[in-house]
Amino acid sequence: MAMHDWDNYRKQIVAGVSEFGKLSPDTVKGYAALSGAGAKTSHFDAKTRELIALAVAISLRCDGCITVHAAAAKKLGATEEELAEALGVAVSVNAGAAIVYSTRTFDAFRAAQGA
């Protein structure tokens, strides 16, 4: 049993972006340009870009990004093993960031003047 109806949610996201595009076409055109920019360099294949997008999506906690990029990655032939590896990198980096910010927190705590 799925946690969400991802297919229906993805359709809602696409419809919502379409509606937003009617209200603010330049914003959505700009987003589309940014989204397509990486593909133009051809350093990564489309599947790898989708796996990277999914790793970023979990870091940002963006369900809309997850549903769109999960469908695209699957369509491009990504496997669950590849997805697990990409997500594992994101988990590791997020944990590393928490460690780095922990040191910053200690620094701020130690610098506090008896607050």
N, C-alpha and C. Protein backbone atom coordinates (compact mmCIF):
# COMPACT_ATOMS: atom_id res chain seq x y z
N MET A 1 0.84 -1.18 0.00
CA MET A 1 0.00 0.00 0.00
C MET A 1 0.88 1.25 0.00
N ALA A 2 0.61 2.14 -0.92
CA ALA A 2 1.38 3.37 -1.03
C ALA A 2 0.98 4.37 0.05
N MET A 3 1.93 5.21 0.46
CA MET A 3 1.65 6.25 1.44
C MET A 3 0.74 7.33 0.87
N HIS A 4 0.89 7.58 -0.42
CA HIS A 4 0.14 8.63 -1.10
C HIS A 4 -0.35 8.10 -2.44
N ASP A 5 -1.31 8.75 -3.02
CA ASP A 5 -1.70 8.48 -4.40
C ASP A 5 -0.81 9.36 -5.27
N TRP A 6 0.41 8.90 -5.52
CA TRP A 6 1.42 9.70 -6.18
C TRP A 6 1.02 10.10 -7.59
N ASP A 7 0.38 9.19 -8.33
CA ASP A 7 -0.02 9.51 -9.70
C ASP A 7 -1.03 10.66 -9.71
N ASN A 8 -2.03 10.60 -8.84
CA ASN A 8 -3.01 11.66 -8.75
C ASN A 8 -2.36 12.97 -8.27
N TYR A 9 -1.47 12.85 -7.31
CA TYR A 9 -0.79 14.04 -6.78
C TYR A 9 0.05 14.70 -7.88
N ARG A 10 0.76 13.87 -8.67
CA ARG A 10 1.57 14.40 -9.76
C ARG A 10 0.69 15.15 -10.76
N LYS A 11 -0.48 14.61 -11.07
CA LYS A 11 -1.42 15.29 -11.97
C LYS A 11 -1.87 16.62 -11.38
N GLN A 12 -2.10 16.64 -10.08
CA GLN A 12 -2.49 17.89 -9.42
C GLN A 12 -1.37 18.93 -9.49
N ILE A 13 -0.15 18.48 -9.28
CA ILE A 13 1.01 19.39 -9.34
C ILE A 13 1.13 19.96 -10.75
N VAL A 14 1.06 19.12 -11.76
CA VAL A 14 1.18 19.58 -13.14
C VAL A 14 0.07 20.58 -13.47
N ALA A 15 -1.15 20.28 -13.04
CA ALA A 15 -2.27 21.19 -13.29
C ALA A 15 -2.06 22.51 -12.55
N GLY A 16 -1.57 22.43 -11.32
CA GLY A 16 -1.32 23.63 -10.54
C GLY A 16 -0.25 24.52 -11.16
N VAL A 17 0.80 23.89 -11.66
CA VAL A 17 1.87 24.66 -12.31
C VAL A 17 1.33 25.30 -13.59
N SER A 18 0.48 24.58 -14.30
CA SER A 18 -0.14 25.13 -15.51
C SER A 18 -0.98 26.37 -15.18
N GLU A 19 -1.76 26.28 -14.11
CA GLU A 19 -2.57 27.42 -13.67
C GLU A 19 -1.67 28.59 -13.26
N PHE A 20 -0.61 28.29 -12.52
CA PHE A 20 0.34 29.33 -12.12
C PHE A 20 0.95 29.99 -13.35
N GLY A 21 1.25 29.16 -14.36
CA GLY A 21 1.83 29.68 -15.60
C GLY A 21 0.93 30.65 -16.32
N LYS A 22 -0.37 30.47 -16.19
CA LYS A 22 -1.31 31.40 -16.81
C LYS A 22 -1.31 32.75 -16.08
N LEU A 23 -1.09 32.70 -14.77
CA LEU A 23 -1.06 33.91 -13.97
C LEU A 23 0.29 34.61 -14.01
N SER A 24 1.34 33.83 -14.13
CA SER A 24 2.71 34.39 -14.12
C SER A 24 3.57 33.62 -15.11
N PRO A 25 3.33 33.82 -16.41
CA PRO A 25 4.02 33.03 -17.42
C PRO A 25 5.54 33.15 -17.39
N ASP A 26 6.07 34.33 -17.11
CA ASP A 26 7.52 34.48 -17.10
C ASP A 26 8.17 33.69 -15.97
N THR A 27 7.48 33.58 -14.84
CA THR A 27 8.01 32.80 -13.72
C THR A 27 8.15 31.34 -14.12
N VAL A 28 7.12 30.79 -14.72
CA VAL A 28 7.15 29.37 -15.11
C VAL A 28 8.11 29.16 -16.28
N LYS A 29 8.18 30.10 -17.20
CA LYS A 29 9.16 30.00 -18.30
C LYS A 29 10.58 30.02 -17.75
N GLY A 30 10.82 30.87 -16.77
CA GLY A 30 12.14 30.93 -16.14
C GLY A 30 12.49 29.62 -15.45
N TYR A 31 11.50 29.07 -14.74
CA TYR A 31 11.71 27.77 -14.09
C TYR A 31 12.01 26.69 -15.13
N ALA A 32 11.26 26.69 -16.22
CA ALA A 32 11.48 25.69 -17.27
C ALA A 32 12.88 25.84 -17.88
N ALA A 33 13.34 27.07 -18.04
CA ALA A 33 14.69 27.30 -18.56
C ALA A 33 15.74 26.75 -17.61
N LEU A 34 15.56 26.99 -16.30
CA LEU A 34 16.49 26.45 -15.31
C LEU A 34 16.46 24.92 -15.31
N SER A 35 15.27 24.37 -15.39
CA SER A 35 15.12 22.92 -15.36
C SER A 35 15.80 22.26 -16.55
N GLY A 36 15.75 22.90 -17.69
CA GLY A 36 16.34 22.32 -18.90
C GLY A 36 17.79 22.63 -19.11
N ALA A 37 18.34 23.55 -18.33
CA ALA A 37 19.72 23.99 -18.55
C ALA A 37 20.74 22.85 -18.40
N GLY A 38 20.57 22.02 -17.40
CA GLY A 38 21.51 20.93 -17.18
C GLY A 38 21.55 19.94 -18.32
N ALA A 39 20.41 19.70 -18.93
CA ALA A 39 20.35 18.74 -20.03
C ALA A 39 21.17 19.19 -21.23
N LYS A 40 21.35 20.49 -21.37
CA LYS A 40 22.07 21.02 -22.52
C LYS A 40 23.56 20.75 -22.46
N THR A 41 24.11 20.53 -21.26
CA THR A 41 25.55 20.29 -21.15
C THR A 41 25.91 18.86 -21.52
N SER A 42 25.00 17.95 -21.32
CA SER A 42 25.20 16.53 -21.66
C SER A 42 26.31 15.85 -20.86
N HIS A 43 26.67 16.39 -19.71
CA HIS A 43 27.68 15.73 -18.88
C HIS A 43 27.09 14.52 -18.16
N PHE A 44 25.82 14.62 -17.78
CA PHE A 44 25.11 13.49 -17.17
C PHE A 44 23.99 13.09 -18.12
N ASP A 45 23.66 11.81 -18.07
CA ASP A 45 22.50 11.38 -18.84
C ASP A 45 21.23 11.75 -18.07
N ALA A 46 20.10 11.65 -18.75
CA ALA A 46 18.83 12.07 -18.17
C ALA A 46 18.50 11.29 -16.90
N LYS A 47 18.77 9.99 -16.89
CA LYS A 47 18.47 9.18 -15.71
C LYS A 47 19.28 9.66 -14.51
N THR A 48 20.55 9.94 -14.71
CA THR A 48 21.39 10.41 -13.61
C THR A 48 20.89 11.75 -13.09
N ARG A 49 20.49 12.65 -13.99
CA ARG A 49 19.95 13.94 -13.55
C ARG A 49 18.69 13.74 -12.71
N GLU A 50 17.85 12.79 -13.09
CA GLU A 50 16.63 12.52 -12.31
C GLU A 50 16.97 11.95 -10.94
N LEU A 51 17.97 11.09 -10.86
CA LEU A 51 18.38 10.54 -9.57
C LEU A 51 18.96 11.64 -8.67
N ILE A 52 19.73 12.55 -9.27
CA ILE A 52 20.24 13.69 -8.50
C ILE A 52 19.07 14.54 -8.02
N ALA A 53 18.11 14.78 -8.90
CA ALA A 53 16.94 15.57 -8.53
C ALA A 53 16.20 14.94 -7.35
N LEU A 54 16.11 13.63 -7.33
CA LEU A 54 15.44 12.95 -6.22
C LEU A 54 16.23 13.09 -4.92
N ALA A 55 17.55 13.02 -5.01
CA ALA A 55 18.37 13.21 -3.82
C ALA A 55 18.18 14.62 -3.26
N VAL A 56 18.13 15.60 -4.14
CA VAL A 56 17.90 16.97 -3.71
C VAL A 56 16.48 17.12 -3.16
N ALA A 57 15.52 16.47 -3.82
CA ALA A 57 14.11 16.58 -3.40
C ALA A 57 13.91 16.10 -1.97
N ILE A 58 14.59 15.02 -1.58
CA ILE A 58 14.39 14.56 -0.20
C ILE A 58 15.07 15.51 0.78
N SER A 59 16.14 16.15 0.33
CA SER A 59 16.81 17.13 1.19
C SER A 59 15.94 18.35 1.41
N LEU A 60 15.19 18.72 0.38
CA LEU A 60 14.30 19.88 0.47
C LEU A 60 12.91 19.52 0.99
N ARG A 61 12.65 18.23 1.11
CA ARG A 61 11.35 17.72 1.57
C ARG A 61 10.22 18.21 0.66
N CYS A 62 10.42 18.04 -0.65
CA CYS A 62 9.46 18.52 -1.65
C CYS A 62 8.73 17.33 -2.28
N ASP A 63 7.52 17.07 -1.80
CA ASP A 63 6.73 15.96 -2.35
C ASP A 63 6.43 16.15 -3.83
N GLY A 64 6.21 17.39 -4.24
CA GLY A 64 5.96 17.65 -5.66
C GLY A 64 7.15 17.25 -6.50
N CYS A 65 8.35 17.62 -6.05
CA CYS A 65 9.57 17.24 -6.75
C CYS A 65 9.73 15.72 -6.76
N ILE A 66 9.43 15.09 -5.64
CA ILE A 66 9.58 13.64 -5.53
C ILE A 66 8.69 12.94 -6.54
N THR A 67 7.41 13.31 -6.62
CA THR A 67 6.50 12.59 -7.51
C THR A 67 6.86 12.79 -8.98
N VAL A 68 7.23 14.01 -9.35
CA VAL A 68 7.57 14.28 -10.75
C VAL A 68 8.87 13.57 -11.14
N HIS A 69 9.90 13.69 -10.31
CA HIS A 69 11.19 13.11 -10.67
C HIS A 69 11.23 11.59 -10.48
N ALA A 70 10.44 11.06 -9.55
CA ALA A 70 10.37 9.60 -9.40
C ALA A 70 9.76 8.98 -10.66
N ALA A 71 8.71 9.57 -11.17
CA ALA A 71 8.08 9.06 -12.39
C ALA A 71 9.04 9.16 -13.57
N ALA A 72 9.75 10.28 -13.67
CA ALA A 72 10.70 10.45 -14.77
C ALA A 72 11.85 9.46 -14.66
N ALA A 73 12.38 9.27 -13.45
CA ALA A 73 13.49 8.33 -13.26
C ALA A 73 13.06 6.91 -13.62
N LYS A 74 11.87 6.54 -13.20
CA LYS A 74 11.38 5.19 -13.50
C LYS A 74 11.22 5.02 -15.01
N LYS A 75 10.66 6.03 -15.67
CA LYS A 75 10.46 5.98 -17.12
C LYS A 75 11.80 5.86 -17.85
N LEU A 76 12.84 6.44 -17.29
CA LEU A 76 14.17 6.39 -17.90
C LEU A 76 14.95 5.13 -17.53
N GLY A 77 14.32 4.24 -16.77
CA GLY A 77 14.94 2.95 -16.46
C GLY A 77 15.73 2.88 -15.18
N ALA A 78 15.60 3.86 -14.31
CA ALA A 78 16.29 3.80 -13.02
C ALA A 78 15.78 2.61 -12.23
N THR A 79 16.68 1.98 -11.52
CA THR A 79 16.30 0.83 -10.69
C THR A 79 16.16 1.27 -9.24
N GLU A 80 15.52 0.45 -8.44
CA GLU A 80 15.41 0.75 -7.01
C GLU A 80 16.79 0.78 -6.37
N GLU A 81 17.71 -0.04 -6.85
CA GLU A 81 19.06 -0.05 -6.30
C GLU A 81 19.78 1.27 -6.58
N GLU A 82 19.61 1.80 -7.80
CA GLU A 82 20.21 3.09 -8.13
C GLU A 82 19.57 4.20 -7.30
N LEU A 83 18.26 4.13 -7.15
CA LEU A 83 17.56 5.12 -6.33
C LEU A 83 18.06 5.07 -4.89
N ALA A 84 18.20 3.86 -4.35
CA ALA A 84 18.68 3.72 -2.97
C ALA A 84 20.07 4.32 -2.81
N GLU A 85 20.93 4.13 -3.81
CA GLU A 85 22.28 4.69 -3.72
C GLU A 85 22.24 6.21 -3.75
N ALA A 86 21.45 6.77 -4.66
CA ALA A 86 21.33 8.24 -4.75
C ALA A 86 20.75 8.81 -3.45
N LEU A 87 19.72 8.17 -2.93
CA LEU A 87 19.11 8.66 -1.69
C LEU A 87 20.06 8.48 -0.51
N GLY A 88 20.86 7.43 -0.54
CA GLY A 88 21.86 7.22 0.50
C GLY A 88 22.87 8.35 0.54
N VAL A 89 23.26 8.84 -0.64
CA VAL A 89 24.18 9.98 -0.69
C VAL A 89 23.52 11.20 -0.05
N ALA A 90 22.24 11.42 -0.36
CA ALA A 90 21.53 12.56 0.22
C ALA A 90 21.43 12.44 1.73
N VAL A 91 21.14 11.26 2.22
CA VAL A 91 21.06 11.04 3.67
C VAL A 91 22.41 11.34 4.31
N SER A 92 23.47 10.87 3.70
CA SER A 92 24.82 11.09 4.23
C SER A 92 25.17 12.58 4.25
N VAL A 93 24.89 13.28 3.15
CA VAL A 93 25.21 14.70 3.09
C VAL A 93 24.38 15.48 4.11
N ASN A 94 23.11 15.12 4.25
CA ASN A 94 22.27 15.80 5.24
C ASN A 94 22.78 15.55 6.66
N ALA A 95 23.24 14.32 6.92
CA ALA A 95 23.81 14.03 8.24
C ALA A 95 25.10 14.83 8.43
N GLY A 96 25.90 14.90 7.38
CA GLY A 96 27.14 15.69 7.45
C GLY A 96 26.86 17.15 7.70
N ALA A 97 25.84 17.67 7.03
CA ALA A 97 25.47 19.08 7.24
C ALA A 97 25.02 19.30 8.68
N ALA A 98 24.31 18.33 9.24
CA ALA A 98 23.88 18.45 10.63
C ALA A 98 25.09 18.47 11.56
N ILE A 99 26.10 17.69 11.26
CA ILE A 99 27.33 17.68 12.07
C ILE A 99 28.02 19.05 11.97
N VAL A 100 28.14 19.57 10.74
CA VAL A 100 28.79 20.87 10.55
C VAL A 100 28.02 21.95 11.31
N TYR A 101 26.70 21.95 11.18
CA TYR A 101 25.91 22.97 11.87
C TYR A 101 25.89 22.74 13.38
N SER A 102 26.14 21.53 13.81
CA SER A 102 26.30 21.28 15.24
C SER A 102 27.53 22.01 15.76
N THR A 103 28.61 21.99 14.99
CA THR A 103 29.81 22.71 15.43
C THR A 103 29.56 24.21 15.45
N ARG A 104 28.78 24.71 14.50
CA ARG A 104 28.42 26.13 14.48
C ARG A 104 27.55 26.48 15.69
N THR A 105 26.68 25.56 16.07
CA THR A 105 25.81 25.79 17.22
C THR A 105 26.64 25.86 18.50
N PHE A 106 27.61 24.95 18.63
CA PHE A 106 28.51 25.04 19.79
C PHE A 106 29.24 26.36 19.80
N ASP A 107 29.69 26.82 18.64
CA ASP A 107 30.40 28.09 18.54
C ASP A 107 29.50 29.24 19.00
N ALA A 108 28.26 29.26 18.53
CA ALA A 108 27.31 30.31 18.93
C ALA A 108 27.01 30.24 20.42
N PHE A 109 26.85 29.01 20.93
CA PHE A 109 26.57 28.81 22.35
C PHE A 109 27.73 29.35 23.21
N ARG A 110 28.95 29.00 22.79
CA ARG A 110 30.12 29.42 23.56
C ARG A 110 30.35 30.93 23.47
N ALA A 111 29.93 31.54 22.36
CA ALA A 111 30.13 32.97 22.16
C ALA A 111 29.06 33.80 22.86
N ALA A 112 27.95 33.18 23.24
CA ALA A 112 26.84 33.91 23.90
C ALA A 112 27.34 34.51 25.19
N GLN A 113 27.00 35.76 25.41
CA GLN A 113 27.45 36.50 26.59
C GLN A 113 26.46 36.38 27.73
N GLY A 114 26.34 35.21 28.32
CA GLY A 114 25.49 35.01 29.48
C GLY A 114 24.03 35.29 29.24
N ALA A 115 23.60 35.06 28.04
CA ALA A 115 22.20 35.35 27.70
C ALA A 115 21.25 34.48 28.48
